[in-house]
Amino acid sequence: MRLAAAFVLSALLAAPAPTLALAQPSDPIADRMAREAELADQNRRSELLNVEVNRKNAEVEARNAEKRAAYARAEADHQTAVAAAQAAYAQAMAKWEADVAACKAGDRARCAPAG
């Protein structure tokens, strides 16, 4: 046991003594100037970042506006095509109904071919 205690004691004595870092008295004016400079730099970087983000947002908005306009044009074209198809269908149905009525009335020229 004495050997272990001697070993621990010798290890403690051989270890370098811890040094205490003494706080240097700070200069409040220099500290304030450094803090203000850091804040000014942060504000400058923040403004640059905001400009970049706003520019990219504007690009996205412009792209989205173009896509919305293209979609609206395509939708209008589709509605025009649907209206034309419905008009053609209505016209064909009216002709067919007139042909059926004429055929029933005896006009064999307007009857559908037997097939």
N, C-alpha and C. Protein backbone atom coordinates (compact mmCIF):
# COMPACT_ATOMS: atom_id res chain seq x y z
N MET A 1 0.82 -1.19 0.00
CA MET A 1 0.00 0.00 0.00
C MET A 1 0.86 1.25 0.00
N ARG A 2 1.98 1.17 0.75
CA ARG A 2 2.88 2.33 0.79
C ARG A 2 3.50 2.55 -0.57
N LEU A 3 3.68 1.47 -1.32
CA LEU A 3 4.27 1.60 -2.64
C LEU A 3 3.31 2.33 -3.58
N ALA A 4 2.02 1.99 -3.48
CA ALA A 4 1.03 2.66 -4.31
C ALA A 4 0.92 4.13 -3.96
N ALA A 5 0.95 4.45 -2.70
CA ALA A 5 0.87 5.84 -2.27
C ALA A 5 2.10 6.60 -2.74
N ALA A 6 3.25 5.96 -2.69
CA ALA A 6 4.47 6.60 -3.14
C ALA A 6 4.41 6.84 -4.65
N PHE A 7 3.85 5.87 -5.35
CA PHE A 7 3.74 6.01 -6.80
C PHE A 7 2.83 7.19 -7.15
N VAL A 8 1.68 7.28 -6.49
CA VAL A 8 0.74 8.37 -6.74
C VAL A 8 1.38 9.70 -6.40
N LEU A 9 2.08 9.74 -5.29
CA LEU A 9 2.74 10.98 -4.86
C LEU A 9 3.80 11.40 -5.87
N SER A 10 4.58 10.42 -6.35
CA SER A 10 5.63 10.77 -7.31
C SER A 10 5.00 11.23 -8.64
N ALA A 11 3.86 10.62 -9.04
CA ALA A 11 3.20 11.04 -10.26
C ALA A 11 2.67 12.46 -10.13
N LEU A 12 2.13 12.78 -9.00
CA LEU A 12 1.63 14.14 -8.79
C LEU A 12 2.75 15.16 -8.78
N LEU A 13 3.87 14.80 -8.19
CA LEU A 13 5.00 15.72 -8.13
C LEU A 13 5.65 15.89 -9.51
N ALA A 14 5.61 14.84 -10.32
CA ALA A 14 6.24 14.91 -11.64
C ALA A 14 5.38 15.67 -12.64
N ALA A 15 4.08 15.70 -12.42
CA ALA A 15 3.18 16.38 -13.34
C ALA A 15 3.42 17.87 -13.29
N PRO A 16 3.30 18.51 -14.43
CA PRO A 16 3.49 19.97 -14.41
C PRO A 16 2.36 20.63 -13.63
N ALA A 17 2.73 21.66 -12.94
CA ALA A 17 1.75 22.37 -12.13
C ALA A 17 0.79 23.10 -13.05
N PRO A 18 -0.51 23.04 -12.76
CA PRO A 18 -1.46 23.76 -13.60
C PRO A 18 -1.22 25.26 -13.51
N THR A 19 -1.37 25.90 -14.65
CA THR A 19 -1.18 27.36 -14.67
C THR A 19 -2.55 28.02 -14.65
N LEU A 20 -2.63 29.06 -13.96
CA LEU A 20 -3.87 29.82 -13.89
C LEU A 20 -3.76 30.98 -14.86
N ALA A 21 -4.72 31.05 -15.76
CA ALA A 21 -4.75 32.16 -16.70
C ALA A 21 -5.38 33.34 -15.99
N LEU A 22 -4.62 34.34 -15.85
CA LEU A 22 -5.13 35.54 -15.20
C LEU A 22 -5.86 36.39 -16.23
N ALA A 23 -7.03 36.79 -15.89
CA ALA A 23 -7.82 37.62 -16.80
C ALA A 23 -7.15 38.97 -16.94
N GLN A 24 -6.95 39.34 -18.18
CA GLN A 24 -6.37 40.65 -18.45
C GLN A 24 -7.47 41.69 -18.32
N PRO A 25 -7.19 42.77 -17.76
CA PRO A 25 -8.22 43.81 -17.68
C PRO A 25 -8.59 44.23 -19.11
N SER A 26 -9.89 44.27 -19.39
CA SER A 26 -10.32 44.60 -20.74
C SER A 26 -10.54 46.09 -20.88
N ASP A 27 -10.41 46.53 -22.10
CA ASP A 27 -10.63 47.93 -22.43
C ASP A 27 -12.07 48.05 -22.91
N PRO A 28 -12.97 48.65 -22.14
CA PRO A 28 -14.38 48.71 -22.52
C PRO A 28 -14.61 49.41 -23.86
N ILE A 29 -13.82 50.42 -24.17
CA ILE A 29 -13.99 51.12 -25.44
C ILE A 29 -13.60 50.21 -26.60
N ALA A 30 -12.49 49.50 -26.46
CA ALA A 30 -12.04 48.59 -27.52
C ALA A 30 -13.04 47.44 -27.67
N ASP A 31 -13.54 46.95 -26.54
CA ASP A 31 -14.54 45.87 -26.60
C ASP A 31 -15.80 46.35 -27.33
N ARG A 32 -16.23 47.54 -27.01
CA ARG A 32 -17.43 48.08 -27.65
C ARG A 32 -17.21 48.30 -29.14
N MET A 33 -16.06 48.82 -29.50
CA MET A 33 -15.75 49.05 -30.91
C MET A 33 -15.69 47.72 -31.68
N ALA A 34 -15.09 46.70 -31.05
CA ALA A 34 -15.00 45.39 -31.70
C ALA A 34 -16.40 44.79 -31.87
N ARG A 35 -17.23 44.94 -30.85
CA ARG A 35 -18.60 44.42 -30.92
C ARG A 35 -19.39 45.16 -32.00
N GLU A 36 -19.26 46.48 -32.07
CA GLU A 36 -19.95 47.26 -33.09
C GLU A 36 -19.45 46.91 -34.49
N ALA A 37 -18.15 46.68 -34.62
CA ALA A 37 -17.60 46.29 -35.92
C ALA A 37 -18.15 44.92 -36.33
N GLU A 38 -18.22 43.98 -35.39
CA GLU A 38 -18.77 42.66 -35.69
C GLU A 38 -20.24 42.76 -36.07
N LEU A 39 -21.01 43.57 -35.35
CA LEU A 39 -22.42 43.75 -35.68
C LEU A 39 -22.59 44.40 -37.05
N ALA A 40 -21.75 45.37 -37.36
CA ALA A 40 -21.83 46.03 -38.67
C ALA A 40 -21.51 45.02 -39.78
N ASP A 41 -20.51 44.17 -39.54
CA ASP A 41 -20.17 43.15 -40.53
C ASP A 41 -21.31 42.15 -40.68
N GLN A 42 -21.91 41.74 -39.57
CA GLN A 42 -23.05 40.82 -39.64
C GLN A 42 -24.21 41.46 -40.41
N ASN A 43 -24.47 42.74 -40.14
CA ASN A 43 -25.55 43.44 -40.86
C ASN A 43 -25.25 43.52 -42.36
N ARG A 44 -23.99 43.80 -42.70
CA ARG A 44 -23.61 43.87 -44.11
C ARG A 44 -23.82 42.52 -44.79
N ARG A 45 -23.37 41.45 -44.14
CA ARG A 45 -23.54 40.11 -44.72
C ARG A 45 -25.01 39.73 -44.80
N SER A 46 -25.78 40.13 -43.81
CA SER A 46 -27.22 39.84 -43.81
C SER A 46 -27.91 40.57 -44.96
N GLU A 47 -27.55 41.82 -45.18
CA GLU A 47 -28.14 42.58 -46.29
C GLU A 47 -27.78 41.96 -47.63
N LEU A 48 -26.53 41.53 -47.79
CA LEU A 48 -26.13 40.88 -49.05
C LEU A 48 -26.92 39.58 -49.25
N LEU A 49 -27.09 38.84 -48.17
CA LEU A 49 -27.85 37.60 -48.27
C LEU A 49 -29.31 37.90 -48.62
N ASN A 50 -29.89 38.93 -48.01
CA ASN A 50 -31.27 39.30 -48.31
C ASN A 50 -31.43 39.71 -49.77
N VAL A 51 -30.46 40.44 -50.30
CA VAL A 51 -30.51 40.85 -51.71
C VAL A 51 -30.50 39.60 -52.59
N GLU A 52 -29.62 38.64 -52.29
CA GLU A 52 -29.53 37.41 -53.07
C GLU A 52 -30.82 36.60 -52.98
N VAL A 53 -31.37 36.48 -51.77
CA VAL A 53 -32.62 35.72 -51.59
C VAL A 53 -33.76 36.41 -52.34
N ASN A 54 -33.85 37.71 -52.25
CA ASN A 54 -34.92 38.45 -52.96
C ASN A 54 -34.77 38.31 -54.47
N ARG A 55 -33.52 38.32 -54.98
CA ARG A 55 -33.29 38.15 -56.41
C ARG A 55 -33.76 36.77 -56.86
N LYS A 56 -33.40 35.75 -56.09
CA LYS A 56 -33.80 34.39 -56.45
C LYS A 56 -35.32 34.22 -56.34
N ASN A 57 -35.92 34.83 -55.34
CA ASN A 57 -37.39 34.78 -55.22
C ASN A 57 -38.06 35.45 -56.42
N ALA A 58 -37.50 36.56 -56.86
CA ALA A 58 -38.06 37.25 -58.03
C ALA A 58 -37.94 36.37 -59.27
N GLU A 59 -36.82 35.67 -59.42
CA GLU A 59 -36.66 34.75 -60.55
C GLU A 59 -37.71 33.64 -60.51
N VAL A 60 -37.93 33.09 -59.34
CA VAL A 60 -38.92 32.02 -59.18
C VAL A 60 -40.31 32.56 -59.48
N GLU A 61 -40.63 33.73 -58.98
CA GLU A 61 -41.94 34.33 -59.24
C GLU A 61 -42.13 34.58 -60.74
N ALA A 62 -41.10 35.05 -61.41
CA ALA A 62 -41.20 35.29 -62.86
C ALA A 62 -41.44 33.97 -63.60
N ARG A 63 -40.70 32.92 -63.21
CA ARG A 63 -40.90 31.61 -63.83
C ARG A 63 -42.31 31.10 -63.58
N ASN A 64 -42.76 31.26 -62.35
CA ASN A 64 -44.12 30.81 -62.01
C ASN A 64 -45.17 31.60 -62.79
N ALA A 65 -44.97 32.90 -62.95
CA ALA A 65 -45.92 33.72 -63.71
C ALA A 65 -45.97 33.27 -65.17
N GLU A 66 -44.79 32.95 -65.73
CA GLU A 66 -44.76 32.46 -67.11
C GLU A 66 -45.51 31.14 -67.22
N LYS A 67 -45.31 30.26 -66.26
CA LYS A 67 -45.98 28.96 -66.30
C LYS A 67 -47.48 29.10 -66.10
N ARG A 68 -47.89 30.01 -65.21
CA ARG A 68 -49.32 30.24 -65.02
C ARG A 68 -49.95 30.79 -66.29
N ALA A 69 -49.25 31.71 -66.97
CA ALA A 69 -49.78 32.28 -68.21
C ALA A 69 -49.87 31.20 -69.29
N ALA A 70 -48.85 30.35 -69.39
CA ALA A 70 -48.88 29.27 -70.38
C ALA A 70 -50.02 28.30 -70.07
N TYR A 71 -50.22 28.01 -68.80
CA TYR A 71 -51.32 27.12 -68.41
C TYR A 71 -52.66 27.75 -68.77
N ALA A 72 -52.81 29.04 -68.51
CA ALA A 72 -54.07 29.72 -68.82
C ALA A 72 -54.33 29.71 -70.33
N ARG A 73 -53.26 29.92 -71.13
CA ARG A 73 -53.43 29.86 -72.59
C ARG A 73 -53.83 28.45 -73.03
N ALA A 74 -53.18 27.44 -72.47
CA ALA A 74 -53.49 26.05 -72.83
C ALA A 74 -54.93 25.71 -72.42
N GLU A 75 -55.33 26.19 -71.25
CA GLU A 75 -56.70 25.93 -70.79
C GLU A 75 -57.72 26.61 -71.71
N ALA A 76 -57.43 27.83 -72.12
CA ALA A 76 -58.33 28.54 -73.04
C ALA A 76 -58.40 27.81 -74.39
N ASP A 77 -57.25 27.36 -74.88
CA ASP A 77 -57.24 26.59 -76.14
C ASP A 77 -58.06 25.32 -75.99
N HIS A 78 -57.92 24.66 -74.87
CA HIS A 78 -58.68 23.43 -74.62
C HIS A 78 -60.18 23.72 -74.59
N GLN A 79 -60.56 24.76 -73.89
CA GLN A 79 -61.98 25.12 -73.81
C GLN A 79 -62.53 25.46 -75.20
N THR A 80 -61.72 26.12 -76.03
CA THR A 80 -62.14 26.43 -77.40
C THR A 80 -62.34 25.14 -78.20
N ALA A 81 -61.40 24.20 -78.04
CA ALA A 81 -61.51 22.92 -78.76
C ALA A 81 -62.72 22.13 -78.27
N VAL A 82 -62.98 22.15 -76.97
CA VAL A 82 -64.14 21.44 -76.42
C VAL A 82 -65.42 22.07 -76.97
N ALA A 83 -65.49 23.39 -77.00
CA ALA A 83 -66.69 24.07 -77.51
C ALA A 83 -66.90 23.74 -79.00
N ALA A 84 -65.81 23.69 -79.76
CA ALA A 84 -65.92 23.36 -81.19
C ALA A 84 -66.40 21.92 -81.36
N ALA A 85 -65.87 21.01 -80.55
CA ALA A 85 -66.29 19.61 -80.63
C ALA A 85 -67.76 19.46 -80.24
N GLN A 86 -68.18 20.19 -79.21
CA GLN A 86 -69.59 20.13 -78.79
C GLN A 86 -70.50 20.70 -79.87
N ALA A 87 -70.07 21.76 -80.53
CA ALA A 87 -70.87 22.36 -81.61
C ALA A 87 -70.96 21.39 -82.78
N ALA A 88 -69.84 20.75 -83.12
CA ALA A 88 -69.86 19.78 -84.22
C ALA A 88 -70.74 18.60 -83.88
N TYR A 89 -70.69 18.16 -82.63
CA TYR A 89 -71.54 17.05 -82.19
C TYR A 89 -73.01 17.44 -82.28
N ALA A 90 -73.33 18.62 -81.80
CA ALA A 90 -74.73 19.08 -81.83
C ALA A 90 -75.22 19.19 -83.28
N GLN A 91 -74.37 19.68 -84.16
CA GLN A 91 -74.74 19.81 -85.57
C GLN A 91 -74.95 18.42 -86.19
N ALA A 92 -74.05 17.48 -85.89
CA ALA A 92 -74.18 16.12 -86.43
C ALA A 92 -75.43 15.45 -85.88
N MET A 93 -75.73 15.64 -84.60
CA MET A 93 -76.94 15.05 -84.00
C MET A 93 -78.20 15.64 -84.63
N ALA A 94 -78.20 16.94 -84.87
CA ALA A 94 -79.37 17.59 -85.49
C ALA A 94 -79.58 17.05 -86.90
N LYS A 95 -78.49 16.87 -87.66
CA LYS A 95 -78.61 16.31 -89.01
C LYS A 95 -79.12 14.88 -88.94
N TRP A 96 -78.58 14.09 -88.02
CA TRP A 96 -79.02 12.70 -87.89
C TRP A 96 -80.50 12.62 -87.53
N GLU A 97 -80.93 13.45 -86.56
CA GLU A 97 -82.33 13.44 -86.15
C GLU A 97 -83.23 13.86 -87.33
N ALA A 98 -82.79 14.83 -88.12
CA ALA A 98 -83.58 15.26 -89.29
C ALA A 98 -83.63 14.14 -90.33
N ASP A 99 -82.50 13.44 -90.53
CA ASP A 99 -82.48 12.31 -91.47
C ASP A 99 -83.40 11.19 -91.00
N VAL A 100 -83.39 10.89 -89.72
CA VAL A 100 -84.26 9.83 -89.18
C VAL A 100 -85.72 10.22 -89.37
N ALA A 101 -86.05 11.47 -89.06
CA ALA A 101 -87.44 11.94 -89.22
C ALA A 101 -87.85 11.87 -90.69
N ALA A 102 -86.96 12.27 -91.61
CA ALA A 102 -87.27 12.23 -93.04
C ALA A 102 -87.43 10.79 -93.53
N CYS A 103 -86.58 9.92 -93.04
CA CYS A 103 -86.65 8.50 -93.41
C CYS A 103 -87.97 7.90 -92.94
N LYS A 104 -88.35 8.23 -91.71
CA LYS A 104 -89.62 7.72 -91.17
C LYS A 104 -90.81 8.28 -91.96
N ALA A 105 -90.63 9.49 -92.51
CA ALA A 105 -91.71 10.13 -93.28
C ALA A 105 -91.75 9.58 -94.71
N GLY A 106 -90.77 8.72 -95.07
CA GLY A 106 -90.81 8.10 -96.38
C GLY A 106 -89.73 8.53 -97.33
N ASP A 107 -88.88 9.47 -96.98
CA ASP A 107 -87.79 9.92 -97.86
C ASP A 107 -86.65 8.91 -97.75
N ARG A 108 -86.67 7.90 -98.63
CA ARG A 108 -85.69 6.81 -98.56
C ARG A 108 -84.27 7.28 -98.84
N ALA A 109 -84.08 8.37 -99.49
CA ALA A 109 -82.74 8.89 -99.80
C ALA A 109 -82.01 9.31 -98.51
N ARG A 110 -82.79 9.63 -97.48
CA ARG A 110 -82.17 10.09 -96.24
C ARG A 110 -82.07 8.95 -95.21
N CYS A 111 -82.45 7.77 -95.57
CA CYS A 111 -82.33 6.63 -94.66
C CYS A 111 -80.89 6.13 -94.66
N ALA A 112 -80.51 5.58 -93.54
CA ALA A 112 -79.15 5.00 -93.43
C ALA A 112 -79.07 3.78 -94.31
N PRO A 113 -77.91 3.55 -94.94
CA PRO A 113 -77.79 2.36 -95.78
C PRO A 113 -77.95 1.10 -94.95
N ALA A 114 -78.60 0.12 -95.49
CA ALA A 114 -78.79 -1.15 -94.78
C ALA A 114 -77.48 -1.90 -94.84
N GLY A 115 -77.08 -2.38 -93.71
CA GLY A 115 -75.82 -2.94 -93.79
C GLY A 115 -75.39 -4.15 -93.30
